[in-house]
Amino acid sequence: MILWGASKQVLDFDLSEREYCQQCRQDQDFGLRLKYEHGHFYHLFGWVMSKQYQLVCPDCTHGWVVNPRAAEALIGRNPIPFYQRHGWLVMLALAAIIGVAALAHQPAG
């Protein structure tokens, strides 16, 4: 049985920016969050399918999209775990190692 699928995640950060919320009609501390979707194979070998950084009002969730480079510069790193971002590279490396080992151990003939 092959186990593959997709998952959606939302990460909130302790970063905020004071802005006027047009929905609430008052100043609010808009929080930074990341919404992303990743595909996976056996929940280990993943890849990011989409990601979006947002500044969001804490009361009404109204907000706007933020540039990913600017958001990651504020955070200091890419917050998506390695296996969800680049797990597919590990899967490729393992497949190559197994393939080379299988070819190397064939009987001479």
PDB file of N, CA and C in Angstrom:
ATOM      1  N   MET A   1       0.841  -1.174   0.000  1.00  0.00           N
ATOM      2  CA  MET A   1       0.000   0.000   0.000  1.00  0.00           C
ATOM      3  C   MET A   1       0.893   1.247   0.000  1.00  0.00           C
ATOM      4  N   ILE A   2       0.589   2.154  -0.887  1.00  0.00           N
ATOM      5  CA  ILE A   2       1.333   3.410  -0.972  1.00  0.00           C
ATOM      6  C   ILE A   2       0.552   4.484  -0.223  1.00  0.00           C
ATOM      7  N   LEU A   3       1.206   5.119   0.695  1.00  0.00           N
ATOM      8  CA  LEU A   3       0.572   6.159   1.507  1.00  0.00           C
ATOM      9  C   LEU A   3       1.090   7.523   1.074  1.00  0.00           C
ATOM     10  N   TRP A   4       0.266   8.282   0.371  1.00  0.00           N
ATOM     11  CA  TRP A   4       0.634   9.624  -0.046  1.00  0.00           C
ATOM     12  C   TRP A   4      -0.559  10.531   0.135  1.00  0.00           C
ATOM     13  N   GLY A   5      -0.306  11.817   0.183  1.00  0.00           N
ATOM     14  CA  GLY A   5      -1.406  12.748   0.374  1.00  0.00           C
ATOM     15  C   GLY A   5      -0.921  14.176   0.474  1.00  0.00           C
ATOM     16  N   ALA A   6      -1.786  15.012   0.989  1.00  0.00           N
ATOM     17  CA  ALA A   6      -1.486  16.435   1.156  1.00  0.00           C
ATOM     18  C   ALA A   6      -2.034  16.896   2.497  1.00  0.00           C
ATOM     19  N   SER A   7      -1.422  17.940   3.017  1.00  0.00           N
ATOM     20  CA  SER A   7      -1.827  18.471   4.307  1.00  0.00           C
ATOM     21  C   SER A   7      -1.703  19.989   4.283  1.00  0.00           C
ATOM     22  N   LYS A   8      -2.599  20.655   4.991  1.00  0.00           N
ATOM     23  CA  LYS A   8      -2.543  22.113   5.119  1.00  0.00           C
ATOM     24  C   LYS A   8      -2.163  22.458   6.547  1.00  0.00           C
ATOM     25  N   GLN A   9      -1.296  23.451   6.691  1.00  0.00           N
ATOM     26  CA  GLN A   9      -0.831  23.876   8.002  1.00  0.00           C
ATOM     27  C   GLN A   9      -0.938  25.391   8.126  1.00  0.00           C
ATOM     28  N   VAL A  10      -1.122  25.862   9.349  1.00  0.00           N
ATOM     29  CA  VAL A  10      -1.089  27.297   9.652  1.00  0.00           C
ATOM     30  C   VAL A  10      -0.159  27.489  10.840  1.00  0.00           C
ATOM     31  N   LEU A  11       0.861  28.333  10.655  1.00  0.00           N
ATOM     32  CA  LEU A  11       1.800  28.649  11.722  1.00  0.00           C
ATOM     33  C   LEU A  11       1.642  30.115  12.101  1.00  0.00           C
ATOM     34  N   ASP A  12       1.466  30.382  13.388  1.00  0.00           N
ATOM     35  CA  ASP A  12       1.390  31.756  13.891  1.00  0.00           C
ATOM     36  C   ASP A  12       2.719  32.120  14.540  1.00  0.00           C
ATOM     37  N   PHE A  13       3.106  33.381  14.410  1.00  0.00           N
ATOM     38  CA  PHE A  13       4.369  33.857  14.953  1.00  0.00           C
ATOM     39  C   PHE A  13       4.103  34.966  15.967  1.00  0.00           C
ATOM     40  N   ASP A  14       5.058  35.184  16.837  1.00  0.00           N
ATOM     41  CA  ASP A  14       4.943  36.228  17.855  1.00  0.00           C
ATOM     42  C   ASP A  14       5.384  37.580  17.315  1.00  0.00           C
ATOM     43  N   LEU A  15       5.122  37.823  16.069  1.00  0.00           N
ATOM     44  CA  LEU A  15       5.441  39.104  15.438  1.00  0.00           C
ATOM     45  C   LEU A  15       4.136  39.805  15.102  1.00  0.00           C
ATOM     46  N   SER A  16       4.051  41.066  15.421  1.00  0.00           N
ATOM     47  CA  SER A  16       2.824  41.798  15.114  1.00  0.00           C
ATOM     48  C   SER A  16       3.167  43.204  14.629  1.00  0.00           C
ATOM     49  N   GLU A  17       2.200  43.793  13.976  1.00  0.00           N
ATOM     50  CA  GLU A  17       2.355  45.144  13.454  1.00  0.00           C
ATOM     51  C   GLU A  17       1.037  45.880  13.680  1.00  0.00           C
ATOM     52  N   ARG A  18       1.141  47.049  14.252  1.00  0.00           N
ATOM     53  CA  ARG A  18      -0.056  47.849  14.547  1.00  0.00           C
ATOM     54  C   ARG A  18      -0.546  48.508  13.265  1.00  0.00           C
ATOM     55  N   GLU A  19      -1.776  48.195  12.878  1.00  0.00           N
ATOM     56  CA  GLU A  19      -2.388  48.726  11.651  1.00  0.00           C
ATOM     57  C   GLU A  19      -3.861  49.022  11.926  1.00  0.00           C
ATOM     58  N   TYR A  20      -4.422  49.817  11.057  1.00  0.00           N
ATOM     59  CA  TYR A  20      -5.853  50.096  11.137  1.00  0.00           C
ATOM     60  C   TYR A  20      -6.598  48.997  10.400  1.00  0.00           C
ATOM     61  N   CYS A  21      -7.565  48.371  11.074  1.00  0.00           N
ATOM     62  CA  CYS A  21      -8.372  47.321  10.466  1.00  0.00           C
ATOM     63  C   CYS A  21      -9.650  47.946   9.917  1.00  0.00           C
ATOM     64  N   GLN A  22      -9.859  47.790   8.630  1.00  0.00           N
ATOM     65  CA  GLN A  22     -11.038  48.376   8.001  1.00  0.00           C
ATOM     66  C   GLN A  22     -12.320  47.624   8.346  1.00  0.00           C
ATOM     67  N   GLN A  23     -12.201  46.359   8.713  1.00  0.00           N
ATOM     68  CA  GLN A  23     -13.371  45.587   9.120  1.00  0.00           C
ATOM     69  C   GLN A  23     -13.815  45.965  10.538  1.00  0.00           C
ATOM     70  N   CYS A  24     -12.859  46.021  11.461  1.00  0.00           N
ATOM     71  CA  CYS A  24     -13.155  46.337  12.866  1.00  0.00           C
ATOM     72  C   CYS A  24     -13.271  47.841  13.107  1.00  0.00           C
ATOM     73  N   ARG A  25     -12.755  48.638  12.195  1.00  0.00           N
ATOM     74  CA  ARG A  25     -12.749  50.098  12.274  1.00  0.00           C
ATOM     75  C   ARG A  25     -12.005  50.614  13.516  1.00  0.00           C
ATOM     76  N   GLN A  26     -10.856  49.979  13.788  1.00  0.00           N
ATOM     77  CA  GLN A  26      -9.993  50.417  14.877  1.00  0.00           C
ATOM     78  C   GLN A  26      -8.575  49.885  14.658  1.00  0.00           C
ATOM     79  N   ASP A  27      -7.616  50.445  15.394  1.00  0.00           N
ATOM     80  CA  ASP A  27      -6.245  49.959  15.323  1.00  0.00           C
ATOM     81  C   ASP A  27      -6.154  48.601  15.998  1.00  0.00           C
ATOM     82  N   GLN A  28      -5.430  47.684  15.368  1.00  0.00           N
ATOM     83  CA  GLN A  28      -5.262  46.327  15.890  1.00  0.00           C
ATOM     84  C   GLN A  28      -3.798  45.923  15.738  1.00  0.00           C
ATOM     85  N   ASP A  29      -3.380  44.958  16.534  1.00  0.00           N
ATOM     86  CA  ASP A  29      -2.057  44.353  16.368  1.00  0.00           C
ATOM     87  C   ASP A  29      -2.191  43.166  15.417  1.00  0.00           C
ATOM     88  N   PHE A  30      -1.922  43.412  14.151  1.00  0.00           N
ATOM     89  CA  PHE A  30      -2.014  42.358  13.149  1.00  0.00           C
ATOM     90  C   PHE A  30      -0.873  41.368  13.362  1.00  0.00           C
ATOM     91  N   GLY A  31      -1.197  40.094  13.398  1.00  0.00           N
ATOM     92  CA  GLY A  31      -0.194  39.059  13.618  1.00  0.00           C
ATOM     93  C   GLY A  31       0.259  38.430  12.315  1.00  0.00           C
ATOM     94  N   LEU A  32       1.503  38.010  12.288  1.00  0.00           N
ATOM     95  CA  LEU A  32       2.063  37.344  11.118  1.00  0.00           C
ATOM     96  C   LEU A  32       1.778  35.851  11.212  1.00  0.00           C
ATOM     97  N   ARG A  33       1.302  35.277  10.109  1.00  0.00           N
ATOM     98  CA  ARG A  33       1.087  33.838  10.076  1.00  0.00           C
ATOM     99  C   ARG A  33       1.464  33.309   8.697  1.00  0.00           C
ATOM    100  N   LEU A  34       1.699  32.017   8.667  1.00  0.00           N
ATOM    101  CA  LEU A  34       2.041  31.332   7.427  1.00  0.00           C
ATOM    102  C   LEU A  34       1.018  30.232   7.193  1.00  0.00           C
ATOM    103  N   LYS A  35       0.392  30.268   6.031  1.00  0.00           N
ATOM    104  CA  LYS A  35      -0.496  29.180   5.602  1.00  0.00           C
ATOM    105  C   LYS A  35       0.222  28.465   4.463  1.00  0.00           C
ATOM    106  N   TYR A  36       0.375  27.150   4.605  1.00  0.00           N
ATOM    107  CA  TYR A  36       1.028  26.413   3.528  1.00  0.00           C
ATOM    108  C   TYR A  36       0.405  25.035   3.366  1.00  0.00           C
ATOM    109  N   GLU A  37       0.618  24.472   2.189  1.00  0.00           N
ATOM    110  CA  GLU A  37       0.144  23.140   1.867  1.00  0.00           C
ATOM    111  C   GLU A  37       1.338  22.336   1.367  1.00  0.00           C
ATOM    112  N   HIS A  38       1.456  21.125   1.870  1.00  0.00           N
ATOM    113  CA  HIS A  38       2.553  20.276   1.404  1.00  0.00           C
ATOM    114  C   HIS A  38       2.032  18.889   1.061  1.00  0.00           C
ATOM    115  N   GLY A  39       2.654  18.312   0.048  1.00  0.00           N
ATOM    116  CA  GLY A  39       2.363  16.932  -0.319  1.00  0.00           C
ATOM    117  C   GLY A  39       3.362  16.032   0.388  1.00  0.00           C
ATOM    118  N   HIS A  40       3.016  14.758   0.527  1.00  0.00           N
ATOM    119  CA  HIS A  40       3.934  13.845   1.206  1.00  0.00           C
ATOM    120  C   HIS A  40       3.764  12.421   0.697  1.00  0.00           C
ATOM    121  N   PHE A  41       4.818  11.669   0.863  1.00  0.00           N
ATOM    122  CA  PHE A  41       4.851  10.254   0.556  1.00  0.00           C
ATOM    123  C   PHE A  41       5.300   9.569   1.828  1.00  0.00           C
ATOM    124  N   TYR A  42       4.430   8.762   2.432  1.00  0.00           N
ATOM    125  CA  TYR A  42       4.673   8.121   3.729  1.00  0.00           C
ATOM    126  C   TYR A  42       4.955   9.126   4.847  1.00  0.00           C
ATOM    127  N   HIS A  43       4.440  10.321   4.749  1.00  0.00           N
ATOM    128  CA  HIS A  43       4.567  11.384   5.758  1.00  0.00           C
ATOM    129  C   HIS A  43       6.016  11.782   6.049  1.00  0.00           C
ATOM    130  N   LEU A  44       6.974  11.265   5.301  1.00  0.00           N
ATOM    131  CA  LEU A  44       8.378  11.597   5.513  1.00  0.00           C
ATOM    132  C   LEU A  44       8.953  12.403   4.366  1.00  0.00           C
ATOM    133  N   PHE A  45       8.591  12.042   3.171  1.00  0.00           N
ATOM    134  CA  PHE A  45       9.190  12.632   1.984  1.00  0.00           C
ATOM    135  C   PHE A  45       8.225  13.675   1.425  1.00  0.00           C
ATOM    136  N   GLY A  46       8.423  14.926   1.800  1.00  0.00           N
ATOM    137  CA  GLY A  46       7.460  15.970   1.471  1.00  0.00           C
ATOM    138  C   GLY A  46       7.986  17.023   0.524  1.00  0.00           C
ATOM    139  N   TRP A  47       7.059  17.829   0.052  1.00  0.00           N
ATOM    140  CA  TRP A  47       7.363  18.968  -0.809  1.00  0.00           C
ATOM    141  C   TRP A  47       6.283  20.017  -0.584  1.00  0.00           C
ATOM    142  N   VAL A  48       6.661  21.281  -0.662  1.00  0.00           N
ATOM    143  CA  VAL A  48       5.718  22.379  -0.459  1.00  0.00           C
ATOM    144  C   VAL A  48       4.993  22.646  -1.768  1.00  0.00           C
ATOM    145  N   MET A  49       3.675  22.656  -1.708  1.00  0.00           N
ATOM    146  CA  MET A  49       2.870  22.908  -2.904  1.00  0.00           C
ATOM    147  C   MET A  49       2.460  24.378  -2.991  1.00  0.00           C
ATOM    148  N   SER A  50       2.251  25.019  -1.851  1.00  0.00           N
ATOM    149  CA  SER A  50       1.933  26.449  -1.833  1.00  0.00           C
ATOM    150  C   SER A  50       2.218  26.997  -0.442  1.00  0.00           C
ATOM    151  N   LYS A  51       2.576  28.281  -0.395  1.00  0.00           N
ATOM    152  CA  LYS A  51       2.761  28.939   0.904  1.00  0.00           C
ATOM    153  C   LYS A  51       2.415  30.408   0.748  1.00  0.00           C
ATOM    154  N   GLN A  52       1.876  30.960   1.841  1.00  0.00           N
ATOM    155  CA  GLN A  52       1.450  32.347   1.821  1.00  0.00           C
ATOM    156  C   GLN A  52       1.593  32.934   3.223  1.00  0.00           C
ATOM    157  N   TYR A  53       2.395  33.991   3.330  1.00  0.00           N
ATOM    158  CA  TYR A  53       2.520  34.727   4.586  1.00  0.00           C
ATOM    159  C   TYR A  53       1.440  35.802   4.607  1.00  0.00           C
ATOM    160  N   GLN A  54       0.830  35.997   5.774  1.00  0.00           N
ATOM    161  CA  GLN A  54      -0.269  36.949   5.903  1.00  0.00           C
ATOM    162  C   GLN A  54      -0.120  37.751   7.191  1.00  0.00           C
ATOM    163  N   LEU A  55      -0.553  39.023   7.136  1.00  0.00           N
ATOM    164  CA  LEU A  55      -0.763  39.820   8.342  1.00  0.00           C
ATOM    165  C   LEU A  55      -2.259  39.780   8.591  1.00  0.00           C
ATOM    166  N   VAL A  56      -2.661  39.341   9.786  1.00  0.00           N
ATOM    167  CA  VAL A  56      -4.067  39.061  10.049  1.00  0.00           C
ATOM    168  C   VAL A  56      -4.530  39.760  11.324  1.00  0.00           C
ATOM    169  N   CYS A  57      -5.710  40.360  11.244  1.00  0.00           N
ATOM    170  CA  CYS A  57      -6.336  40.973  12.416  1.00  0.00           C
ATOM    171  C   CYS A  57      -6.726  39.867  13.398  1.00  0.00           C
ATOM    172  N   PRO A  58      -6.438  40.026  14.684  1.00  0.00           N
ATOM    173  CA  PRO A  58      -6.757  38.982  15.654  1.00  0.00           C
ATOM    174  C   PRO A  58      -8.264  38.816  15.903  1.00  0.00           C
ATOM    175  N   ASP A  59      -9.050  39.838  15.615  1.00  0.00           N
ATOM    176  CA  ASP A  59     -10.485  39.753  15.885  1.00  0.00           C
ATOM    177  C   ASP A  59     -11.293  39.222  14.703  1.00  0.00           C
ATOM    178  N   CYS A  60     -11.055  39.787  13.524  1.00  0.00           N
ATOM    179  CA  CYS A  60     -11.907  39.436  12.372  1.00  0.00           C
ATOM    180  C   CYS A  60     -11.175  38.634  11.302  1.00  0.00           C
ATOM    181  N   THR A  61      -9.891  38.387  11.465  1.00  0.00           N
ATOM    182  CA  THR A  61      -9.018  37.676  10.522  1.00  0.00           C
ATOM    183  C   THR A  61      -8.909  38.346   9.154  1.00  0.00           C
ATOM    184  N   HIS A  62      -9.302  39.613   9.075  1.00  0.00           N
ATOM    185  CA  HIS A  62      -9.083  40.392   7.855  1.00  0.00           C
ATOM    186  C   HIS A  62      -7.596  40.726   7.787  1.00  0.00           C
ATOM    187  N   GLY A  63      -7.045  40.788   6.603  1.00  0.00           N
ATOM    188  CA  GLY A  63      -5.634  41.120   6.486  1.00  0.00           C
ATOM    189  C   GLY A  63      -5.171  41.146   5.053  1.00  0.00           C
ATOM    190  N   TRP A  64      -3.871  40.961   4.860  1.00  0.00           N
ATOM    191  CA  TRP A  64      -3.314  40.980   3.520  1.00  0.00           C
ATOM    192  C   TRP A  64      -2.101  40.070   3.445  1.00  0.00           C
ATOM    193  N   VAL A  65      -1.706  39.781   2.206  1.00  0.00           N
ATOM    194  CA  VAL A  65      -0.588  38.887   1.920  1.00  0.00           C
ATOM    195  C   VAL A  65       0.721  39.674   2.031  1.00  0.00           C
ATOM    196  N   VAL A  66       1.742  39.023   2.577  1.00  0.00           N
ATOM    197  CA  VAL A  66       3.055  39.629   2.778  1.00  0.00           C
ATOM    198  C   VAL A  66       4.061  38.933   1.855  1.00  0.00           C
ATOM    199  N   ASN A  67       5.045  39.682   1.387  1.00  0.00           N
ATOM    200  CA  ASN A  67       6.114  39.132   0.565  1.00  0.00           C
ATOM    201  C   ASN A  67       6.851  38.041   1.348  1.00  0.00           C
ATOM    202  N   PRO A  68       7.022  36.839   0.766  1.00  0.00           N
ATOM    203  CA  PRO A  68       7.674  35.743   1.499  1.00  0.00           C
ATOM    204  C   PRO A  68       9.113  36.051   1.926  1.00  0.00           C
ATOM    205  N   ARG A  69       9.888  36.714   1.082  1.00  0.00           N
ATOM    206  CA  ARG A  69      11.276  37.038   1.445  1.00  0.00           C
ATOM    207  C   ARG A  69      11.324  37.997   2.625  1.00  0.00           C
ATOM    208  N   ALA A  70      10.437  38.974   2.635  1.00  0.00           N
ATOM    209  CA  ALA A  70      10.398  39.939   3.736  1.00  0.00           C
ATOM    210  C   ALA A  70       9.965  39.255   5.033  1.00  0.00           C
ATOM    211  N   ALA A  71       8.976  38.367   4.940  1.00  0.00           N
ATOM    212  CA  ALA A  71       8.499  37.665   6.137  1.00  0.00           C
ATOM    213  C   ALA A  71       9.576  36.751   6.695  1.00  0.00           C
ATOM    214  N   GLU A  72      10.261  36.008   5.834  1.00  0.00           N
ATOM    215  CA  GLU A  72      11.306  35.098   6.306  1.00  0.00           C
ATOM    216  C   GLU A  72      12.504  35.868   6.856  1.00  0.00           C
ATOM    217  N   ALA A  73      12.736  37.083   6.347  1.00  0.00           N
ATOM    218  CA  ALA A  73      13.802  37.924   6.904  1.00  0.00           C
ATOM    219  C   ALA A  73      13.442  38.349   8.332  1.00  0.00           C
ATOM    220  N   LEU A  74      12.163  38.647   8.581  1.00  0.00           N
ATOM    221  CA  LEU A  74      11.716  38.996   9.936  1.00  0.00           C
ATOM    222  C   LEU A  74      11.802  37.800  10.882  1.00  0.00           C
ATOM    223  N   ILE A  75      11.410  36.640  10.379  1.00  0.00           N
ATOM    224  CA  ILE A  75      11.422  35.432  11.203  1.00  0.00           C
ATOM    225  C   ILE A  75      12.850  34.942  11.419  1.00  0.00           C
ATOM    226  N   GLY A  76      13.690  35.114  10.403  1.00  0.00           N
ATOM    227  CA  GLY A  76      15.083  34.698  10.508  1.00  0.00           C
ATOM    228  C   GLY A  76      15.390  33.367   9.857  1.00  0.00           C
ATOM    229  N   ARG A  77      14.372  32.676   9.367  1.00  0.00           N
ATOM    230  CA  ARG A  77      14.579  31.371   8.731  1.00  0.00           C
ATOM    231  C   ARG A  77      13.278  30.952   8.042  1.00  0.00           C
ATOM    232  N   ASN A  78      13.351  29.868   7.303  1.00  0.00           N
ATOM    233  CA  ASN A  78      12.145  29.292   6.732  1.00  0.00           C
ATOM    234  C   ASN A  78      11.539  28.382   7.798  1.00  0.00           C
ATOM    235  N   PRO A  79      10.336  28.660   8.284  1.00  0.00           N
ATOM    236  CA  PRO A  79       9.782  27.909   9.409  1.00  0.00           C
ATOM    237  C   PRO A  79       9.187  26.544   9.051  1.00  0.00           C
ATOM    238  N   ILE A  80       9.098  26.220   7.778  1.00  0.00           N
ATOM    239  CA  ILE A  80       8.548  24.921   7.376  1.00  0.00           C
ATOM    240  C   ILE A  80       9.604  23.852   7.648  1.00  0.00           C
ATOM    241  N   PRO A  81       9.244  22.769   8.351  1.00  0.00           N
ATOM    242  CA  PRO A  81      10.224  21.732   8.679  1.00  0.00           C
ATOM    243  C   PRO A  81      10.890  21.149   7.424  1.00  0.00           C
ATOM    244  N   PHE A  82      12.150  20.727   7.585  1.00  0.00           N
ATOM    245  CA  PHE A  82      12.947  20.232   6.461  1.00  0.00           C
ATOM    246  C   PHE A  82      12.242  19.097   5.714  1.00  0.00           C
ATOM    247  N   TYR A  83      11.721  18.113   6.454  1.00  0.00           N
ATOM    248  CA  TYR A  83      11.129  16.951   5.797  1.00  0.00           C
ATOM    249  C   TYR A  83       9.868  17.312   5.006  1.00  0.00           C
ATOM    250  N   GLN A  84       9.212  18.423   5.343  1.00  0.00           N
ATOM    251  CA  GLN A  84       8.049  18.868   4.573  1.00  0.00           C
ATOM    252  C   GLN A  84       8.460  19.703   3.369  1.00  0.00           C
ATOM    253  N   ARG A  85       9.651  20.305   3.413  1.00  0.00           N
ATOM    254  CA  ARG A  85      10.143  21.118   2.296  1.00  0.00           C
ATOM    255  C   ARG A  85      10.946  20.292   1.309  1.00  0.00           C
ATOM    256  N   HIS A  86      11.926  19.547   1.822  1.00  0.00           N
ATOM    257  CA  HIS A  86      12.905  18.887   0.963  1.00  0.00           C
ATOM    258  C   HIS A  86      12.984  17.380   1.187  1.00  0.00           C
ATOM    259  N   GLY A  87      11.972  16.799   1.763  1.00  0.00           N
ATOM    260  CA  GLY A  87      11.973  15.359   1.988  1.00  0.00           C
ATOM    261  C   GLY A  87      12.052  14.558   0.702  1.00  0.00           C
ATOM    262  N   TRP A  88      11.534  15.114  -0.376  1.00  0.00           N
ATOM    263  CA  TRP A  88      11.581  14.413  -1.657  1.00  0.00           C
ATOM    264  C   TRP A  88      13.020  14.239  -2.127  1.00  0.00           C
ATOM    265  N   LEU A  89      13.931  15.145  -1.757  1.00  0.00           N
ATOM    266  CA  LEU A  89      15.342  14.987  -2.100  1.00  0.00           C
ATOM    267  C   LEU A  89      15.957  13.800  -1.355  1.00  0.00           C
ATOM    268  N   VAL A  90      15.552  13.611  -0.118  1.00  0.00           N
ATOM    269  CA  VAL A  90      16.026  12.473   0.662  1.00  0.00           C
ATOM    270  C   VAL A  90      15.537  11.179   0.013  1.00  0.00           C
ATOM    271  N   MET A  91      14.275  11.167  -0.434  1.00  0.00           N
ATOM    272  CA  MET A  91      13.727   9.985  -1.096  1.00  0.00           C
ATOM    273  C   MET A  91      14.511   9.670  -2.370  1.00  0.00           C
ATOM    274  N   LEU A  92      14.842  10.689  -3.157  1.00  0.00           N
ATOM    275  CA  LEU A  92      15.619  10.477  -4.370  1.00  0.00           C
ATOM    276  C   LEU A  92      17.006   9.935  -4.046  1.00  0.00           C
ATOM    277  N   ALA A  93      17.652  10.482  -3.021  1.00  0.00           N
ATOM    278  CA  ALA A  93      18.981  10.016  -2.626  1.00  0.00           C
ATOM    279  C   ALA A  93      18.926   8.558  -2.164  1.00  0.00           C
ATOM    280  N   LEU A  94      17.918   8.209  -1.377  1.00  0.00           N
ATOM    281  CA  LEU A  94      17.780   6.825  -0.928  1.00  0.00           C
ATOM    282  C   LEU A  94      17.537   5.882  -2.099  1.00  0.00           C
ATOM    283  N   ALA A  95      16.710   6.290  -3.050  1.00  0.00           N
ATOM    284  CA  ALA A  95      16.454   5.463  -4.233  1.00  0.00           C
ATOM    285  C   ALA A  95      17.728   5.274  -5.043  1.00  0.00           C
ATOM    286  N   ALA A  96      18.541   6.317  -5.178  1.00  0.00           N
ATOM    287  CA  ALA A  96      19.800   6.210  -5.913  1.00  0.00           C
ATOM    288  C   ALA A  96      20.773   5.270  -5.200  1.00  0.00           C
ATOM    289  N   ILE A  97      20.862   5.385  -3.882  1.00  0.00           N
ATOM    290  CA  ILE A  97      21.752   4.514  -3.109  1.00  0.00           C
ATOM    291  C   ILE A  97      21.324   3.058  -3.242  1.00  0.00           C
ATOM    292  N   ILE A  98      20.035   2.796  -3.135  1.00  0.00           N
ATOM    293  CA  ILE A  98      19.530   1.427  -3.266  1.00  0.00           C
ATOM    294  C   ILE A  98      19.774   0.903  -4.681  1.00  0.00           C
ATOM    295  N   GLY A  99      19.576   1.750  -5.682  1.00  0.00           N
ATOM    296  CA  GLY A  99      19.821   1.339  -7.064  1.00  0.00           C
ATOM    297  C   GLY A  99      21.277   1.002  -7.319  1.00  0.00           C
ATOM    298  N   VAL A 100      22.185   1.831  -6.833  1.00  0.00           N
ATOM    299  CA  VAL A 100      23.624   1.576  -6.996  1.00  0.00           C
ATOM    300  C   VAL A 100      24.025   0.306  -6.241  1.00  0.00           C
ATOM    301  N   ALA A 101      23.512   0.124  -5.030  1.00  0.00           N
ATOM    302  CA  ALA A 101      23.827  -1.076  -4.253  1.00  0.00           C
ATOM    303  C   ALA A 101      23.315  -2.327  -4.951  1.00  0.00           C
ATOM    304  N   ALA A 102      22.127  -2.253  -5.544  1.00  0.00           N
ATOM    305  CA  ALA A 102      21.577  -3.419  -6.254  1.00  0.00           C
ATOM    306  C   ALA A 102      22.417  -3.749  -7.472  1.00  0.00           C
ATOM    307  N   LEU A 103      22.878  -2.745  -8.206  1.00  0.00           N
ATOM    308  CA  LEU A 103      23.710  -2.988  -9.377  1.00  0.00           C
ATOM    309  C   LEU A 103      25.089  -3.509  -8.993  1.00  0.00           C
ATOM    310  N   ALA A 104      25.631  -3.027  -7.880  1.00  0.00           N
ATOM    311  CA  ALA A 104      26.956  -3.438  -7.437  1.00  0.00           C
ATOM    312  C   ALA A 104      26.982  -4.878  -6.925  1.00  0.00           C
ATOM    313  N   HIS A 105      25.868  -5.369  -6.452  1.00  0.00           N
ATOM    314  CA  HIS A 105      25.837  -6.711  -5.863  1.00  0.00           C
ATOM    315  C   HIS A 105      25.233  -7.757  -6.795  1.00  0.00           C
ATOM    316  N   GLN A 106      25.162  -7.465  -8.061  1.00  0.00           N
ATOM    317  CA  GLN A 106      24.683  -8.470  -9.022  1.00  0.00           C
ATOM    318  C   GLN A 106      25.791  -9.501  -9.254  1.00  0.00           C
ATOM    319  N   PRO A 107      25.425 -10.767  -9.353  1.00  0.00           N
ATOM    320  CA  PRO A 107      26.450 -11.782  -9.611  1.00  0.00           C
ATOM    321  C   PRO A 107      27.036 -11.618 -11.019  1.00  0.00           C
ATOM    322  N   ALA A 108      28.320 -11.874 -11.120  1.00  0.00           N
ATOM    323  CA  ALA A 108      28.989 -11.788 -12.428  1.00  0.00           C
ATOM    324  C   ALA A 108      28.515 -12.919 -13.297  1.00  0.00           C
ATOM    325  N   GLY A 109      28.291 -12.616 -14.524  1.00  0.00           N
ATOM    326  CA  GLY A 109      27.790 -13.725 -15.237  1.00  0.00           C
ATOM    327  C   GLY A 109      27.789 -13.757 -16.638  1.00  0.00           C
TER     328      GLY A 109
END
